[in-house]
């Protein structure tokens, strides 16, 4: 048999198990529990309940920050970048000075 045929049969069996489980849940909710049909065995339990997808606003709300916090973080970042740039400039000037001083003596 082909792999596709085996996969289709497996999916059909899973669908039957799901339907049997749904029937037993409906019967239990109605108060008249029925036994599963012979030959079906134990119905499969779903892995996890279905979660409804979140909307865009709900997702944005999770990551939303106060405007004052964003402004504070931006200022701190600018100061850190400025300090880093000044440190690199000082190192570059010192390297050029030391190089010029070392080569002048020859």
C-alpha atoms as a PDB file:
ATOM      1  CA  UNK A   1       0.000   0.000   0.000  1.00  0.00           C
ATOM      2  CA  UNK A   2       1.098   3.519  -0.595  1.00  0.00           C
ATOM      3  CA  UNK A   3       2.050   5.875   2.203  1.00  0.00           C
ATOM      4  CA  UNK A   4      -0.746   8.214   1.181  1.00  0.00           C
ATOM      5  CA  UNK A   5      -3.357   5.478   1.537  1.00  0.00           C
ATOM      6  CA  UNK A   6      -2.025   4.518   4.966  1.00  0.00           C
ATOM      7  CA  UNK A   7      -2.082   8.146   6.071  1.00  0.00           C
ATOM      8  CA  UNK A   8      -5.650   8.604   4.838  1.00  0.00           C
ATOM      9  CA  UNK A   9      -6.793   5.509   6.724  1.00  0.00           C
ATOM     10  CA  UNK A  10      -5.050   6.686   9.872  1.00  0.00           C
ATOM     11  CA  UNK A  11      -6.744  10.083   9.587  1.00  0.00           C
ATOM     12  CA  UNK A  12     -10.121   8.379   9.081  1.00  0.00           C
ATOM     13  CA  UNK A  13      -9.605   6.305  12.244  1.00  0.00           C
ATOM     14  CA  UNK A  14      -8.671   9.421  14.200  1.00  0.00           C
ATOM     15  CA  UNK A  15     -11.796  11.187  12.933  1.00  0.00           C
ATOM     16  CA  UNK A  16     -13.939   8.238  14.025  1.00  0.00           C
ATOM     17  CA  UNK A  17     -12.354   8.301  17.482  1.00  0.00           C
ATOM     18  CA  UNK A  18     -12.975  12.037  17.722  1.00  0.00           C
ATOM     19  CA  UNK A  19     -16.623  11.568  16.754  1.00  0.00           C
ATOM     20  CA  UNK A  20     -17.031   8.790  19.323  1.00  0.00           C
ATOM     21  CA  UNK A  21     -15.548  11.054  21.985  1.00  0.00           C
ATOM     22  CA  UNK A  22     -17.898  13.891  20.989  1.00  0.00           C
ATOM     23  CA  UNK A  23     -20.889  11.540  21.206  1.00  0.00           C
ATOM     24  CA  UNK A  24     -19.884  10.398  24.696  1.00  0.00           C
ATOM     25  CA  UNK A  25     -19.430  14.005  25.843  1.00  0.00           C
ATOM     26  CA  UNK A  26     -22.842  14.973  24.457  1.00  0.00           C
ATOM     27  CA  UNK A  27     -24.439  11.994  26.134  1.00  0.00           C
ATOM     28  CA  UNK A  28     -22.764  12.809  29.436  1.00  0.00           C
ATOM     29  CA  UNK A  29     -23.951  16.396  29.182  1.00  0.00           C
ATOM     30  CA  UNK A  30     -27.500  15.216  28.519  1.00  0.00           C
ATOM     31  CA  UNK A  31     -27.313  12.911  31.526  1.00  0.00           C
ATOM     32  CA  UNK A  32     -27.807   9.695  29.565  1.00  0.00           C
ATOM     33  CA  UNK A  33     -24.359   8.225  29.138  1.00  0.00           C
ATOM     34  CA  UNK A  34     -24.187   5.674  26.356  1.00  0.00           C
ATOM     35  CA  UNK A  35     -21.570   2.989  25.993  1.00  0.00           C
ATOM     36  CA  UNK A  36     -19.295   3.379  22.967  1.00  0.00           C
ATOM     37  CA  UNK A  37     -20.157   1.283  19.956  1.00  0.00           C
ATOM     38  CA  UNK A  38     -18.490  -2.150  19.911  1.00  0.00           C
ATOM     39  CA  UNK A  39     -15.183  -2.318  18.089  1.00  0.00           C
ATOM     40  CA  UNK A  40     -14.340   1.343  18.526  1.00  0.00           C
ATOM     41  CA  UNK A  41     -12.339   0.941  21.736  1.00  0.00           C
ATOM     42  CA  UNK A  42     -11.556   3.948  23.884  1.00  0.00           C
ATOM     43  CA  UNK A  43     -12.196   7.274  22.219  1.00  0.00           C
ATOM     44  CA  UNK A  44      -9.177   9.540  21.956  1.00  0.00           C
ATOM     45  CA  UNK A  45      -9.049  12.564  24.233  1.00  0.00           C
ATOM     46  CA  UNK A  46      -8.118  15.836  22.572  1.00  0.00           C
ATOM     47  CA  UNK A  47      -4.597  17.035  23.395  1.00  0.00           C
ATOM     48  CA  UNK A  48      -5.600  20.500  24.575  1.00  0.00           C
ATOM     49  CA  UNK A  49      -8.689  22.647  24.437  1.00  0.00           C
ATOM     50  CA  UNK A  50      -8.921  25.005  21.495  1.00  0.00           C
ATOM     51  CA  UNK A  51      -7.724  28.517  22.236  1.00  0.00           C
ATOM     52  CA  UNK A  52      -9.287  31.314  20.295  1.00  0.00           C
ATOM     53  CA  UNK A  53      -6.613  33.408  18.566  1.00  0.00           C
ATOM     54  CA  UNK A  54      -5.865  36.800  20.049  1.00  0.00           C
ATOM     55  CA  UNK A  55      -6.739  39.971  18.247  1.00  0.00           C
ATOM     56  CA  UNK A  56      -4.144  42.500  17.186  1.00  0.00           C
ATOM     57  CA  UNK A  57      -5.039  44.895  19.997  1.00  0.00           C
ATOM     58  CA  UNK A  58      -4.618  42.174  22.634  1.00  0.00           C
ATOM     59  CA  UNK A  59      -1.169  41.313  21.301  1.00  0.00           C
ATOM     60  CA  UNK A  60      -0.140  44.964  21.205  1.00  0.00           C
ATOM     61  CA  UNK A  61      -1.407  45.465  24.761  1.00  0.00           C
ATOM     62  CA  UNK A  62       0.974  42.762  26.018  1.00  0.00           C
ATOM     63  CA  UNK A  63       4.005  44.711  24.812  1.00  0.00           C
ATOM     64  CA  UNK A  64       2.778  48.274  25.286  1.00  0.00           C
ATOM     65  CA  UNK A  65       4.946  50.472  27.542  1.00  0.00           C
ATOM     66  CA  UNK A  66       4.308  53.811  29.142  1.00  0.00           C
ATOM     67  CA  UNK A  67       5.492  56.766  26.995  1.00  0.00           C
ATOM     68  CA  UNK A  68       7.607  58.122  29.887  1.00  0.00           C
ATOM     69  CA  UNK A  69       9.453  54.793  30.088  1.00  0.00           C
ATOM     70  CA  UNK A  70      10.198  54.821  26.361  1.00  0.00           C
ATOM     71  CA  UNK A  71      11.512  58.405  26.525  1.00  0.00           C
ATOM     72  CA  UNK A  72      13.751  57.538  29.489  1.00  0.00           C
ATOM     73  CA  UNK A  73      15.163  54.491  27.709  1.00  0.00           C
ATOM     74  CA  UNK A  74      15.801  56.541  24.565  1.00  0.00           C
ATOM     75  CA  UNK A  75      17.713  59.234  26.463  1.00  0.00           C
ATOM     76  CA  UNK A  76      19.803  56.625  28.262  1.00  0.00           C
ATOM     77  CA  UNK A  77      20.602  54.923  24.962  1.00  0.00           C
ATOM     78  CA  UNK A  78      21.681  58.205  23.380  1.00  0.00           C
ATOM     79  CA  UNK A  79      23.966  59.015  26.305  1.00  0.00           C
ATOM     80  CA  UNK A  80      25.541  55.560  26.153  1.00  0.00           C
ATOM     81  CA  UNK A  81      26.114  55.786  22.382  1.00  0.00           C
ATOM     82  CA  UNK A  82      27.664  59.256  22.810  1.00  0.00           C
ATOM     83  CA  UNK A  83      29.996  57.997  25.572  1.00  0.00           C
ATOM     84  CA  UNK A  84      31.028  55.041  23.415  1.00  0.00           C
ATOM     85  CA  UNK A  85      31.702  57.272  20.417  1.00  0.00           C
ATOM     86  CA  UNK A  86      33.815  59.667  22.551  1.00  0.00           C
ATOM     87  CA  UNK A  87      35.828  56.749  23.951  1.00  0.00           C
ATOM     88  CA  UNK A  88      36.549  55.479  20.431  1.00  0.00           C
ATOM     89  CA  UNK A  89      37.553  58.980  19.304  1.00  0.00           C
ATOM     90  CA  UNK A  90      39.945  59.387  22.241  1.00  0.00           C
ATOM     91  CA  UNK A  91      41.495  55.968  21.549  1.00  0.00           C
ATOM     92  CA  UNK A  92      41.933  56.834  17.859  1.00  0.00           C
ATOM     93  CA  UNK A  93      43.590  60.188  18.650  1.00  0.00           C
ATOM     94  CA  UNK A  94      45.893  58.517  21.206  1.00  0.00           C
ATOM     95  CA  UNK A  95      46.862  55.819  18.700  1.00  0.00           C
ATOM     96  CA  UNK A  96      47.680  58.398  16.000  1.00  0.00           C
ATOM     97  CA  UNK A  97      49.699  60.478  18.493  1.00  0.00           C
ATOM     98  CA  UNK A  98      51.685  57.471  19.720  1.00  0.00           C
ATOM     99  CA  UNK A  99      52.298  56.286  16.157  1.00  0.00           C
ATOM    100  CA  UNK A 100      53.501  59.738  15.043  1.00  0.00           C
ATOM    101  CA  UNK A 101      55.779  60.055  18.074  1.00  0.00           C
ATOM    102  CA  UNK A 102      57.286  56.628  17.495  1.00  0.00           C
ATOM    103  CA  UNK A 103      57.962  57.214  13.785  1.00  0.00           C
ATOM    104  CA  UNK A 104      59.406  60.756  14.260  1.00  0.00           C
ATOM    105  CA  UNK A 105      62.363  59.449  16.211  1.00  0.00           C
ATOM    106  CA  UNK A 106      63.801  57.475  13.300  1.00  0.00           C
END
